[in-house]
PDB file of N, CA and C in Angstrom:
ATOM      1  N   MET A   1      80.746  54.733 161.650  1.00  0.00           N
ATOM      2  CA  MET A   1      80.796  55.325 160.329  1.00  0.00           C
ATOM      3  C   MET A   1      80.944  56.841 160.466  1.00  0.00           C
ATOM      4  N   ALA A   2      81.746  57.424 159.656  1.00  0.00           N
ATOM      5  CA  ALA A   2      82.019  58.857 159.710  1.00  0.00           C
ATOM      6  C   ALA A   2      81.169  59.617 158.693  1.00  0.00           C
ATOM      7  N   LEU A   3      81.145  60.905 158.868  1.00  0.00           N
ATOM      8  CA  LEU A   3      80.499  61.800 157.913  1.00  0.00           C
ATOM      9  C   LEU A   3      81.505  62.194 156.838  1.00  0.00           C
ATOM     10  N   GLN A   4      81.048  62.328 155.611  1.00  0.00           N
ATOM     11  CA  GLN A   4      81.856  62.923 154.549  1.00  0.00           C
ATOM     12  C   GLN A   4      81.452  64.388 154.501  1.00  0.00           C
ATOM     13  N   VAL A   5      82.411  65.288 154.679  1.00  0.00           N
ATOM     14  CA  VAL A   5      82.124  66.721 154.718  1.00  0.00           C
ATOM     15  C   VAL A   5      82.836  67.406 153.559  1.00  0.00           C
ATOM     16  N   ASP A   6      82.069  68.192 152.802  1.00  0.00           N
ATOM     17  CA  ASP A   6      82.620  68.999 151.712  1.00  0.00           C
ATOM     18  C   ASP A   6      82.132  70.425 151.895  1.00  0.00           C
ATOM     19  N   ILE A   7      83.070  71.370 151.952  1.00  0.00           N
ATOM     20  CA  ILE A   7      82.743  72.790 152.042  1.00  0.00           C
ATOM     21  C   ILE A   7      83.289  73.448 150.789  1.00  0.00           C
ATOM     22  N   ILE A   8      82.372  73.998 149.989  1.00  0.00           N
ATOM     23  CA  ILE A   8      82.724  74.478 148.650  1.00  0.00           C
ATOM     24  C   ILE A   8      82.268  75.923 148.484  1.00  0.00           C
ATOM     25  N   THR A   9      83.117  76.752 147.876  1.00  0.00           N
ATOM     26  CA  THR A   9      82.742  78.103 147.473  1.00  0.00           C
ATOM     27  C   THR A   9      82.770  78.134 145.944  1.00  0.00           C
ATOM     28  N   PRO A  10      82.255  79.198 145.336  1.00  0.00           N
ATOM     29  CA  PRO A  10      82.351  79.284 143.875  1.00  0.00           C
ATOM     30  C   PRO A  10      83.798  79.274 143.363  1.00  0.00           C
ATOM     31  N   GLU A  11      84.738  79.706 144.206  1.00  0.00           N
ATOM     32  CA  GLU A  11      86.131  79.794 143.790  1.00  0.00           C
ATOM     33  C   GLU A  11      86.938  78.516 144.025  1.00  0.00           C
ATOM     34  N   ARG A  12      86.639  77.801 145.152  1.00  0.00           N
ATOM     35  CA  ARG A  12      87.475  76.650 145.483  1.00  0.00           C
ATOM     36  C   ARG A  12      86.830  75.779 146.556  1.00  0.00           C
ATOM     37  N   LYS A  13      87.423  74.635 146.796  1.00  0.00           N
ATOM     38  CA  LYS A  13      87.000  73.739 147.872  1.00  0.00           C
ATOM     39  C   LYS A  13      87.771  74.117 149.127  1.00  0.00           C
ATOM     40  N   LEU A  14      87.049  74.422 150.214  1.00  0.00           N
ATOM     41  CA  LEU A  14      87.694  74.820 151.465  1.00  0.00           C
ATOM     42  C   LEU A  14      88.054  73.615 152.330  1.00  0.00           C
ATOM     43  N   PHE A  15      87.257  72.549 152.244  1.00  0.00           N
ATOM     44  CA  PHE A  15      87.517  71.358 153.050  1.00  0.00           C
ATOM     45  C   PHE A  15      86.828  70.169 152.399  1.00  0.00           C
ATOM     46  N   SER A  16      87.487  69.022 152.453  1.00  0.00           N
ATOM     47  CA  SER A  16      86.884  67.767 152.032  1.00  0.00           C
ATOM     48  C   SER A  16      87.524  66.658 152.842  1.00  0.00           C
ATOM     49  N   GLY A  17      86.696  65.891 153.558  1.00  0.00           N
ATOM     50  CA  GLY A  17      87.246  64.807 154.351  1.00  0.00           C
ATOM     51  C   GLY A  17      86.222  64.197 155.280  1.00  0.00           C
ATOM     52  N   ALA A  18      86.688  63.232 156.057  1.00  0.00           N
ATOM     53  CA  ALA A  18      85.833  62.522 157.008  1.00  0.00           C
ATOM     54  C   ALA A  18      85.818  63.244 158.346  1.00  0.00           C
ATOM     55  N   ALA A  19      84.664  63.216 159.007  1.00  0.00           N
ATOM     56  CA  ALA A  19      84.522  63.872 160.306  1.00  0.00           C
ATOM     57  C   ALA A  19      83.591  63.071 161.199  1.00  0.00           C
ATOM     58  N   ASN A  20      83.730  63.290 162.505  1.00  0.00           N
ATOM     59  CA  ASN A  20      82.825  62.664 163.475  1.00  0.00           C
ATOM     60  C   ASN A  20      81.577  63.501 163.697  1.00  0.00           C
ATOM     61  N   ALA A  21      81.701  64.831 163.564  1.00  0.00           N
ATOM     62  CA  ALA A  21      80.587  65.753 163.766  1.00  0.00           C
ATOM     63  C   ALA A  21      80.927  67.082 163.099  1.00  0.00           C
ATOM     64  N   VAL A  22      79.877  67.862 162.798  1.00  0.00           N
ATOM     65  CA  VAL A  22      80.057  69.184 162.194  1.00  0.00           C
ATOM     66  C   VAL A  22      79.115  70.153 162.888  1.00  0.00           C
ATOM     67  N   GLN A  23      79.647  71.291 163.342  1.00  0.00           N
ATOM     68  CA  GLN A  23      78.822  72.341 163.933  1.00  0.00           C
ATOM     69  C   GLN A  23      78.755  73.500 162.948  1.00  0.00           C
ATOM     70  N   LEU A  24      77.526  73.979 162.683  1.00  0.00           N
ATOM     71  CA  LEU A  24      77.298  74.975 161.642  1.00  0.00           C
ATOM     72  C   LEU A  24      76.581  76.204 162.182  1.00  0.00           C
ATOM     73  N   PRO A  25      76.877  77.399 161.602  1.00  0.00           N
ATOM     74  CA  PRO A  25      76.201  78.635 162.025  1.00  0.00           C
ATOM     75  C   PRO A  25      74.892  78.808 161.242  1.00  0.00           C
ATOM     76  N   GLY A  26      73.804  78.257 161.752  1.00  0.00           N
ATOM     77  CA  GLY A  26      72.513  78.358 161.077  1.00  0.00           C
ATOM     78  C   GLY A  26      71.913  79.741 161.212  1.00  0.00           C
ATOM     79  N   SER A  27      70.941  80.036 160.371  1.00  0.00           N
ATOM     80  CA  SER A  27      70.292  81.350 160.414  1.00  0.00           C
ATOM     81  C   SER A  27      69.523  81.555 161.714  1.00  0.00           C
ATOM     82  N   GLU A  28      69.198  80.463 162.432  1.00  0.00           N
ATOM     83  CA  GLU A  28      68.503  80.574 163.716  1.00  0.00           C
ATOM     84  C   GLU A  28      69.371  80.112 164.886  1.00  0.00           C
ATOM     85  N   GLY A  29      70.676  79.998 164.671  1.00  0.00           N
ATOM     86  CA  GLY A  29      71.601  79.611 165.732  1.00  0.00           C
ATOM     87  C   GLY A  29      72.469  78.436 165.325  1.00  0.00           C
ATOM     88  N   LEU A  30      73.431  78.105 166.172  1.00  0.00           N
ATOM     89  CA  LEU A  30      74.334  76.995 165.907  1.00  0.00           C
ATOM     90  C   LEU A  30      73.588  75.669 165.981  1.00  0.00           C
ATOM     91  N   PHE A  31      73.962  74.729 165.112  1.00  0.00           N
ATOM     92  CA  PHE A  31      73.426  73.378 165.201  1.00  0.00           C
ATOM     93  C   PHE A  31      74.511  72.392 164.794  1.00  0.00           C
ATOM     94  N   GLN A  32      74.331  71.139 165.209  1.00  0.00           N
ATOM     95  CA  GLN A  32      75.354  70.120 164.981  1.00  0.00           C
ATOM     96  C   GLN A  32      74.786  68.950 164.188  1.00  0.00           C
ATOM     97  N   ILE A  33      75.617  68.408 163.310  1.00  0.00           N
ATOM     98  CA  ILE A  33      75.279  67.232 162.517  1.00  0.00           C
ATOM     99  C   ILE A  33      76.144  66.075 162.998  1.00  0.00           C
ATOM    100  N   LEU A  34      75.517  64.958 163.313  1.00  0.00           N
ATOM    101  CA  LEU A  34      76.211  63.740 163.713  1.00  0.00           C
ATOM    102  C   LEU A  34      75.917  62.644 162.692  1.00  0.00           C
ATOM    103  N   THR A  35      76.617  61.536 162.796  1.00  0.00           N
ATOM    104  CA  THR A  35      76.403  60.389 161.914  1.00  0.00           C
ATOM    105  C   THR A  35      74.938  59.960 161.961  1.00  0.00           C
ATOM    106  N   ASP A  36      74.406  59.560 160.808  1.00  0.00           N
ATOM    107  CA  ASP A  36      73.025  59.094 160.643  1.00  0.00           C
ATOM    108  C   ASP A  36      71.987  60.174 160.933  1.00  0.00           C
ATOM    109  N   HIS A  37      72.342  61.434 160.724  1.00  0.00           N
ATOM    110  CA  HIS A  37      71.393  62.540 160.880  1.00  0.00           C
ATOM    111  C   HIS A  37      70.305  62.433 159.810  1.00  0.00           C
ATOM    112  N   ALA A  38      69.120  62.890 160.131  1.00  0.00           N
ATOM    113  CA  ALA A  38      68.020  62.919 159.153  1.00  0.00           C
ATOM    114  C   ALA A  38      68.379  63.863 158.014  1.00  0.00           C
ATOM    115  N   PRO A  39      67.852  63.616 156.815  1.00  0.00           N
ATOM    116  CA  PRO A  39      68.100  64.536 155.696  1.00  0.00           C
ATOM    117  C   PRO A  39      67.673  65.959 156.065  1.00  0.00           C
ATOM    118  N   LEU A  40      68.451  66.938 155.588  1.00  0.00           N
ATOM    119  CA  LEU A  40      68.240  68.324 156.004  1.00  0.00           C
ATOM    120  C   LEU A  40      68.788  69.269 154.954  1.00  0.00           C
ATOM    121  N   MET A  41      68.105  70.394 154.769  1.00  0.00           N
ATOM    122  CA  MET A  41      68.645  71.546 154.044  1.00  0.00           C
ATOM    123  C   MET A  41      68.395  72.753 154.928  1.00  0.00           C
ATOM    124  N   ALA A  42      69.413  73.619 155.083  1.00  0.00           N
ATOM    125  CA  ALA A  42      69.273  74.775 155.965  1.00  0.00           C
ATOM    126  C   ALA A  42      70.118  75.937 155.467  1.00  0.00           C
ATOM    127  N   ALA A  43      69.652  77.149 155.762  1.00  0.00           N
ATOM    128  CA  ALA A  43      70.407  78.361 155.443  1.00  0.00           C
ATOM    129  C   ALA A  43      71.461  78.590 156.523  1.00  0.00           C
ATOM    130  N   LEU A  44      72.599  79.117 156.091  1.00  0.00           N
ATOM    131  CA  LEU A  44      73.708  79.405 157.003  1.00  0.00           C
ATOM    132  C   LEU A  44      74.019  80.896 156.991  1.00  0.00           C
ATOM    133  N   THR A  45      74.510  81.393 158.138  1.00  0.00           N
ATOM    134  CA  THR A  45      74.971  82.767 158.230  1.00  0.00           C
ATOM    135  C   THR A  45      76.501  82.763 158.283  1.00  0.00           C
ATOM    136  N   SER A  46      77.087  83.936 158.322  1.00  0.00           N
ATOM    137  CA  SER A  46      78.547  83.978 158.424  1.00  0.00           C
ATOM    138  C   SER A  46      78.978  83.518 159.813  1.00  0.00           C
ATOM    139  N   GLY A  47      80.098  82.828 159.842  1.00  0.00           N
ATOM    140  CA  GLY A  47      80.638  82.287 161.077  1.00  0.00           C
ATOM    141  C   GLY A  47      81.605  81.165 160.778  1.00  0.00           C
ATOM    142  N   ASN A  48      81.884  80.369 161.788  1.00  0.00           N
ATOM    143  CA  ASN A  48      82.827  79.261 161.638  1.00  0.00           C
ATOM    144  C   ASN A  48      82.101  77.929 161.595  1.00  0.00           C
ATOM    145  N   VAL A  49      82.533  77.079 160.688  1.00  0.00           N
ATOM    146  CA  VAL A  49      82.102  75.687 160.662  1.00  0.00           C
ATOM    147  C   VAL A  49      83.157  74.916 161.443  1.00  0.00           C
ATOM    148  N   LYS A  50      82.726  74.240 162.514  1.00  0.00           N
ATOM    149  CA  LYS A  50      83.659  73.456 163.333  1.00  0.00           C
ATOM    150  C   LYS A  50      83.521  71.998 162.921  1.00  0.00           C
ATOM    151  N   ILE A  51      84.623  71.431 162.477  1.00  0.00           N
ATOM    152  CA  ILE A  51      84.650  70.047 162.008  1.00  0.00           C
ATOM    153  C   ILE A  51      85.433  69.223 163.021  1.00  0.00           C
ATOM    154  N   ASP A  52      84.757  68.277 163.684  1.00  0.00           N
ATOM    155  CA  ASP A  52      85.411  67.403 164.655  1.00  0.00           C
ATOM    156  C   ASP A  52      85.999  66.209 163.919  1.00  0.00           C
ATOM    157  N   LEU A  53      87.323  66.135 163.908  1.00  0.00           N
ATOM    158  CA  LEU A  53      88.062  65.084 163.216  1.00  0.00           C
ATOM    159  C   LEU A  53      88.474  63.999 164.208  1.00  0.00           C
ATOM    160  N   ALA A  54      89.001  62.920 163.717  1.00  0.00           N
ATOM    161  CA  ALA A  54      89.462  61.830 164.581  1.00  0.00           C
ATOM    162  C   ALA A  54      90.588  62.290 165.504  1.00  0.00           C
ATOM    163  N   ASN A  55      91.399  63.265 165.055  1.00  0.00           N
ATOM    164  CA  ASN A  55      92.560  63.721 165.841  1.00  0.00           C
ATOM    165  C   ASN A  55      92.508  65.220 166.128  1.00  0.00           C
ATOM    166  N   GLY A  56      91.338  65.730 166.510  1.00  0.00           N
ATOM    167  CA  GLY A  56      91.207  67.149 166.821  1.00  0.00           C
ATOM    168  C   GLY A  56      90.052  67.764 166.079  1.00  0.00           C
ATOM    169  N   SER A  57      90.133  69.074 165.882  1.00  0.00           N
ATOM    170  CA  SER A  57      89.069  69.756 165.150  1.00  0.00           C
ATOM    171  C   SER A  57      89.671  70.829 164.257  1.00  0.00           C
ATOM    172  N   GLU A  58      88.861  71.271 163.305  1.00  0.00           N
ATOM    173  CA  GLU A  58      89.286  72.303 162.360  1.00  0.00           C
ATOM    174  C   GLU A  58      88.158  73.311 162.225  1.00  0.00           C
ATOM    175  N   LEU A  59      88.513  74.594 162.128  1.00  0.00           N
ATOM    176  CA  LEU A  59      87.531  75.649 161.906  1.00  0.00           C
ATOM    177  C   LEU A  59      87.681  76.177 160.493  1.00  0.00           C
ATOM    178  N   VAL A  60      86.543  76.350 159.811  1.00  0.00           N
ATOM    179  CA  VAL A  60      86.526  76.923 158.473  1.00  0.00           C
ATOM    180  C   VAL A  60      85.555  78.097 158.498  1.00  0.00           C
ATOM    181  N   ALA A  61      86.045  79.295 158.199  1.00  0.00           N
ATOM    182  CA  ALA A  61      85.212  80.489 158.195  1.00  0.00           C
ATOM    183  C   ALA A  61      84.413  80.572 156.896  1.00  0.00           C
ATOM    184  N   ILE A  62      83.107  80.853 157.026  1.00  0.00           N
ATOM    185  CA  ILE A  62      82.262  81.050 155.844  1.00  0.00           C
ATOM    186  C   ILE A  62      81.504  82.361 156.004  1.00  0.00           C
ATOM    187  N   ASP A  63      80.974  82.857 154.901  1.00  0.00           N
ATOM    188  CA  ASP A  63      80.197  84.100 154.905  1.00  0.00           C
ATOM    189  C   ASP A  63      78.764  83.808 154.480  1.00  0.00           C
ATOM    190  N   GLY A  64      78.191  82.757 155.067  1.00  0.00           N
ATOM    191  CA  GLY A  64      76.823  82.364 154.737  1.00  0.00           C
ATOM    192  C   GLY A  64      76.795  81.293 153.663  1.00  0.00           C
ATOM    193  N   GLY A  65      75.588  80.808 153.370  1.00  0.00           N
ATOM    194  CA  GLY A  65      75.409  79.790 152.345  1.00  0.00           C
ATOM    195  C   GLY A  65      74.286  78.842 152.719  1.00  0.00           C
ATOM    196  N   VAL A  66      74.364  77.605 152.228  1.00  0.00           N
ATOM    197  CA  VAL A  66      73.385  76.569 152.531  1.00  0.00           C
ATOM    198  C   VAL A  66      74.107  75.258 152.815  1.00  0.00           C
ATOM    199  N   VAL A  67      73.432  74.378 153.570  1.00  0.00           N
ATOM    200  CA  VAL A  67      73.982  73.052 153.849  1.00  0.00           C
ATOM    201  C   VAL A  67      72.935  72.019 153.466  1.00  0.00           C
ATOM    202  N   GLU A  68      73.404  70.914 152.906  1.00  0.00           N
ATOM    203  CA  GLU A  68      72.551  69.763 152.624  1.00  0.00           C
ATOM    204  C   GLU A  68      73.161  68.561 153.336  1.00  0.00           C
ATOM    205  N   VAL A  69      72.310  67.810 154.039  1.00  0.00           N
ATOM    206  CA  VAL A  69      72.730  66.593 154.719  1.00  0.00           C
ATOM    207  C   VAL A  69      71.899  65.456 154.138  1.00  0.00           C
ATOM    208  N   SER A  70      72.577  64.416 153.659  1.00  0.00           N
ATOM    209  CA  SER A  70      71.883  63.266 153.089  1.00  0.00           C
ATOM    210  C   SER A  70      72.808  62.065 153.135  1.00  0.00           C
ATOM    211  N   GLY A  71      72.363  60.996 153.790  1.00  0.00           N
ATOM    212  CA  GLY A  71      73.138  59.758 153.797  1.00  0.00           C
ATOM    213  C   GLY A  71      74.552  59.885 154.314  1.00  0.00           C
ATOM    214  N   ASN A  72      74.764  60.564 155.424  1.00  0.00           N
ATOM    215  CA  ASN A  72      76.088  60.768 156.035  1.00  0.00           C
ATOM    216  C   ASN A  72      77.034  61.591 155.166  1.00  0.00           C
ATOM    217  N   VAL A  73      76.471  62.378 154.253  1.00  0.00           N
ATOM    218  CA  VAL A  73      77.246  63.324 153.457  1.00  0.00           C
ATOM    219  C   VAL A  73      76.743  64.721 153.784  1.00  0.00           C
ATOM    220  N   VAL A  74      77.664  65.592 154.199  1.00  0.00           N
ATOM    221  CA  VAL A  74      77.342  66.979 154.537  1.00  0.00           C
ATOM    222  C   VAL A  74      78.003  67.853 153.486  1.00  0.00           C
ATOM    223  N   THR A  75      77.185  68.564 152.714  1.00  0.00           N
ATOM    224  CA  THR A  75      77.704  69.441 151.666  1.00  0.00           C
ATOM    225  C   THR A  75      77.327  70.876 152.007  1.00  0.00           C
ATOM    226  N   VAL A  76      78.341  71.718 152.164  1.00  0.00           N
ATOM    227  CA  VAL A  76      78.137  73.134 152.442  1.00  0.00           C
ATOM    228  C   VAL A  76      78.507  73.920 151.192  1.00  0.00           C
ATOM    229  N   LEU A  77      77.526  74.664 150.668  1.00  0.00           N
ATOM    230  CA  LEU A  77      77.779  75.581 149.562  1.00  0.00           C
ATOM    231  C   LEU A  77      77.884  76.962 150.194  1.00  0.00           C
ATOM    232  N   ALA A  78      79.106  77.457 150.331  1.00  0.00           N
ATOM    233  CA  ALA A  78      79.370  78.691 151.076  1.00  0.00           C
ATOM    234  C   ALA A  78      79.674  79.846 150.144  1.00  0.00           C
ATOM    235  N   LYS A  79      79.476  81.052 150.683  1.00  0.00           N
ATOM    236  CA  LYS A  79      79.819  82.275 149.937  1.00  0.00           C
ATOM    237  C   LYS A  79      81.284  82.580 150.115  1.00  0.00           C
TER     238      LYS A  79
END
C-alpha cells in the first residue's frame, strides 16, 4: 500500500499523488515517513521534501510549515 501525499500552500497545491516514502525537513532534523507510520504532527523548516515515487523521486522546496500523518495520508501545509 502506498502513501497519499499532498503538499499545499495558501496559493496552490505543489504535489498530490502516491508515494513509497517521504523525507521531510523537520525542525529537529530530517525524518522519513513510510507506509503504516504512526499518527504524527510535526513542525517543518525550510528545505526540500523528497518524495520517493514508484519510478524515481521528486523534490519539492518548502519554506517551513507543518505535516500531519494519519492512516497512510501525509498532508503538508507549507509556507
